[in-house]
Amino acid sequence: MIRSELIQKIADENPHLTQRHVERIVNTVFEEIIEALAKGDRVELRGFGAFSVKARDARVGRNPRTGEAVKVDDKKVPFFKTGKLLRDRLNGKA
């Protein structure tokens, strides 16, 4: 599912909201998650999962084409851990 499909589904299930309002709501939710992660905060959506930021140390990698050693700087990457409810539904449990 892509963002536009999510917006359309929410708009279809909530006829009292216009497409423009639903789009603004979805964009606000995503922006708030992004801003929280940018500050290093953790975002938890009960039953769905938790977003956090993990730090990756600098390392020496390899160019797969040439085999040459390449320095990879340290960086922060987003991390998502599924919630129990989501894991159970994916595995066919209640």
Protein backbone atom coordinates (compact mmCIF):
# COMPACT_ATOMS: atom_id res chain seq x y z
CA MET A 1 0.00 0.00 0.00
CA ILE A 2 1.31 3.43 -0.89
CA ARG A 3 0.47 6.76 0.72
CA SER A 4 -2.20 7.69 -1.85
CA GLU A 5 -3.94 4.32 -1.37
CA LEU A 6 -3.91 4.82 2.40
CA ILE A 7 -5.43 8.29 2.00
CA GLN A 8 -8.10 6.95 -0.35
CA LYS A 9 -9.02 4.07 2.00
CA ILE A 10 -9.35 6.40 5.00
CA ALA A 11 -11.41 8.87 2.95
CA ASP A 12 -13.71 6.07 1.75
CA GLU A 13 -14.28 4.83 5.31
CA ASN A 14 -14.91 8.36 6.63
CA PRO A 15 -17.32 10.10 4.25
CA HIS A 16 -17.63 13.08 6.61
CA LEU A 17 -13.98 13.96 5.86
CA THR A 18 -12.85 15.35 2.54
CA GLN A 19 -9.93 13.86 0.63
CA ARG A 20 -7.94 17.03 1.32
CA HIS A 21 -8.54 16.76 5.09
CA VAL A 22 -7.52 13.10 5.14
CA GLU A 23 -4.39 13.89 3.15
CA ARG A 24 -3.47 16.65 5.61
CA ILE A 25 -4.01 14.29 8.57
CA VAL A 26 -1.89 11.49 7.06
CA ASN A 27 0.90 13.92 6.12
CA THR A 28 0.86 15.40 9.64
CA VAL A 29 1.18 11.95 11.23
CA PHE A 30 4.14 11.07 9.00
CA GLU A 31 5.80 14.45 9.57
CA GLU A 32 5.48 14.09 13.34
CA ILE A 33 7.06 10.63 13.22
CA ILE A 34 9.91 11.96 11.07
CA GLU A 35 10.49 14.97 13.35
CA ALA A 36 10.54 12.78 16.46
CA LEU A 37 13.05 10.39 14.88
CA ALA A 38 15.20 13.32 13.71
CA LYS A 39 15.39 14.45 17.35
CA GLY A 40 16.40 10.93 18.38
CA ASP A 41 13.08 10.14 20.07
CA ARG A 42 11.27 6.81 19.90
CA VAL A 43 7.78 6.60 18.39
CA GLU A 44 5.55 3.79 19.63
CA LEU A 45 2.22 2.88 18.07
CA ARG A 46 0.63 0.30 20.38
CA GLY A 47 -0.17 -2.96 18.65
CA PHE A 48 1.63 -1.86 15.49
CA GLY A 49 5.25 -1.31 16.47
CA ALA A 50 7.93 1.15 17.46
CA PHE A 51 10.20 3.35 15.38
CA SER A 52 13.60 4.31 16.75
CA VAL A 53 17.00 5.46 15.55
CA LYS A 54 20.09 3.29 15.74
CA ALA A 55 23.66 4.51 15.38
CA ARG A 56 25.95 2.63 13.02
CA ASP A 57 29.69 2.91 13.66
CA ALA A 58 32.14 3.88 10.97
CA ARG A 59 33.65 0.87 9.22
CA VAL A 60 35.63 -0.26 6.25
CA GLY A 61 33.46 -1.71 3.51
CA ARG A 62 34.25 -3.19 0.12
CA ASN A 63 33.31 -2.01 -3.33
CA PRO A 64 31.53 -5.10 -4.72
CA ARG A 65 32.70 -4.40 -8.27
CA THR A 66 36.42 -3.84 -7.61
CA GLY A 67 36.91 -5.36 -4.16
CA GLU A 68 38.61 -2.11 -3.12
CA ALA A 69 38.34 -1.10 0.56
CA VAL A 70 36.03 1.88 1.08
CA LYS A 71 35.64 3.95 4.25
CA VAL A 72 31.99 4.12 5.37
CA ASP A 73 31.25 6.96 7.80
CA ASP A 74 29.21 6.52 10.96
CA LYS A 75 25.52 7.23 10.50
CA LYS A 76 22.09 6.99 12.04
CA VAL A 77 19.47 4.70 10.52
CA PRO A 78 15.75 4.29 11.23
CA PHE A 79 14.74 1.03 12.90
CA PHE A 80 11.28 -0.53 13.20
CA LYS A 81 10.32 -3.24 15.65
CA THR A 82 6.91 -4.83 15.15
CA GLY A 83 4.40 -4.92 17.98
CA LYS A 84 3.00 -8.18 19.33
CA LEU A 85 -0.45 -7.68 17.75
CA LEU A 86 1.05 -7.11 14.29
CA ARG A 87 3.38 -10.12 14.63
CA ASP A 88 0.49 -12.34 15.74
CA ARG A 89 -1.73 -11.24 12.82
CA LEU A 90 1.05 -11.82 10.32
CA ASN A 91 1.56 -15.32 11.70
CA GLY A 92 -2.14 -16.21 11.57
CA LYS A 93 -2.82 -16.01 15.30
CA ALA A 94 -5.95 -14.30 16.68
